[in-house]
Amino acid sequence: MMKEPAAEMAVLRKTAEQLTDEIVKSKAEEEKLLNEFSAMNNELVNLQRQLAKSNAELK
């Protein structure tokens, strides 16, 4: 049995709204993870520089 067009449109709008919310949440989580990865990468680069400097001082 088919729903009324107005009811079906309401369901489709709600579904689109939920999908949009999921996309927004996913993008926010992705940005958070990329920021954390970038911070860890920066820390690693700094530690490598310190290690290279320490090694040079030992020679």
C-alpha atoms as a PDB file:
ATOM      1  CA  MET A   1       0.000   0.000   0.000  1.00  0.00           C
ATOM      2  CA  MET A   2       1.401   3.407  -0.979  1.00  0.00           C
ATOM      3  CA  LYS A   3       1.602   6.261   1.458  1.00  0.00           C
ATOM      4  CA  GLU A   4       0.183   9.662   0.804  1.00  0.00           C
ATOM      5  CA  PRO A   5       2.640  11.856  -1.104  1.00  0.00           C
ATOM      6  CA  ALA A   6       2.805  14.372   1.759  1.00  0.00           C
ATOM      7  CA  ALA A   7       3.569  11.650   4.296  1.00  0.00           C
ATOM      8  CA  GLU A   8       6.174  10.114   2.016  1.00  0.00           C
ATOM      9  CA  MET A   9       7.795  13.520   1.496  1.00  0.00           C
ATOM     10  CA  ALA A  10       7.913  14.035   5.269  1.00  0.00           C
ATOM     11  CA  VAL A  11       9.664  10.673   5.682  1.00  0.00           C
ATOM     12  CA  LEU A  12      12.130  11.522   2.918  1.00  0.00           C
ATOM     13  CA  ARG A  13      12.850  14.942   4.445  1.00  0.00           C
ATOM     14  CA  LYS A  14      13.459  13.356   7.848  1.00  0.00           C
ATOM     15  CA  THR A  15      15.779  10.783   6.299  1.00  0.00           C
ATOM     16  CA  ALA A  16      17.705  13.502   4.449  1.00  0.00           C
ATOM     17  CA  GLU A  17      17.994  15.506   7.675  1.00  0.00           C
ATOM     18  CA  GLN A  18      19.328  12.478   9.567  1.00  0.00           C
ATOM     19  CA  LEU A  19      21.843  11.718   6.825  1.00  0.00           C
ATOM     20  CA  THR A  20      23.013  15.331   6.834  1.00  0.00           C
ATOM     21  CA  ASP A  21      23.483  15.191  10.612  1.00  0.00           C
ATOM     22  CA  GLU A  22      25.504  11.979  10.243  1.00  0.00           C
ATOM     23  CA  ILE A  23      27.711  13.569   7.587  1.00  0.00           C
ATOM     24  CA  VAL A  24      28.319  16.641   9.752  1.00  0.00           C
ATOM     25  CA  LYS A  25      29.214  14.470  12.763  1.00  0.00           C
ATOM     26  CA  SER A  26      31.488  12.311  10.627  1.00  0.00           C
ATOM     27  CA  LYS A  27      33.297  15.352   9.217  1.00  0.00           C
ATOM     28  CA  ALA A  28      33.760  16.797  12.708  1.00  0.00           C
ATOM     29  CA  GLU A  29      35.213  13.494  13.944  1.00  0.00           C
ATOM     30  CA  GLU A  30      37.477  13.315  10.891  1.00  0.00           C
ATOM     31  CA  GLU A  31      38.743  16.853  11.557  1.00  0.00           C
ATOM     32  CA  LYS A  32      39.383  16.014  15.216  1.00  0.00           C
ATOM     33  CA  LEU A  33      41.352  12.906  14.280  1.00  0.00           C
ATOM     34  CA  LEU A  34      43.361  14.766  11.644  1.00  0.00           C
ATOM     35  CA  ASN A  35      44.221  17.466  14.191  1.00  0.00           C
ATOM     36  CA  GLU A  36      45.360  14.816  16.681  1.00  0.00           C
ATOM     37  CA  PHE A  37      47.430  13.090  14.001  1.00  0.00           C
ATOM     38  CA  SER A  38      48.995  16.404  12.998  1.00  0.00           C
ATOM     39  CA  ALA A  39      49.892  17.185  16.605  1.00  0.00           C
ATOM     40  CA  MET A  40      51.493  13.767  17.059  1.00  0.00           C
ATOM     41  CA  ASN A  41      53.381  14.168  13.782  1.00  0.00           C
ATOM     42  CA  ASN A  42      54.686  17.574  14.879  1.00  0.00           C
ATOM     43  CA  GLU A  43      55.823  16.086  18.178  1.00  0.00           C
ATOM     44  CA  LEU A  44      57.607  13.276  16.344  1.00  0.00           C
ATOM     45  CA  VAL A  45      59.373  15.753  14.045  1.00  0.00           C
ATOM     46  CA  ASN A  46      60.514  17.799  17.056  1.00  0.00           C
ATOM     47  CA  LEU A  47      61.803  14.695  18.830  1.00  0.00           C
ATOM     48  CA  GLN A  48      63.697  13.631  15.704  1.00  0.00           C
ATOM     49  CA  ARG A  49      65.316  17.078  15.525  1.00  0.00           C
ATOM     50  CA  GLN A  50      66.300  16.891  19.197  1.00  0.00           C
ATOM     51  CA  LEU A  51      67.751  13.425  18.662  1.00  0.00           C
ATOM     52  CA  ALA A  52      69.734  14.558  15.608  1.00  0.00           C
ATOM     53  CA  LYS A  53      71.069  17.549  17.587  1.00  0.00           C
ATOM     54  CA  SER A  54      72.031  15.324  20.519  1.00  0.00           C
ATOM     55  CA  ASN A  55      73.759  12.863  18.202  1.00  0.00           C
ATOM     56  CA  ALA A  56      75.685  15.694  16.535  1.00  0.00           C
ATOM     57  CA  GLU A  57      76.805  16.997  19.940  1.00  0.00           C
ATOM     58  CA  LEU A  58      78.103  13.550  20.900  1.00  0.00           C
ATOM     59  CA  LYS A  59      80.388  13.373  17.860  1.00  0.00           C
END
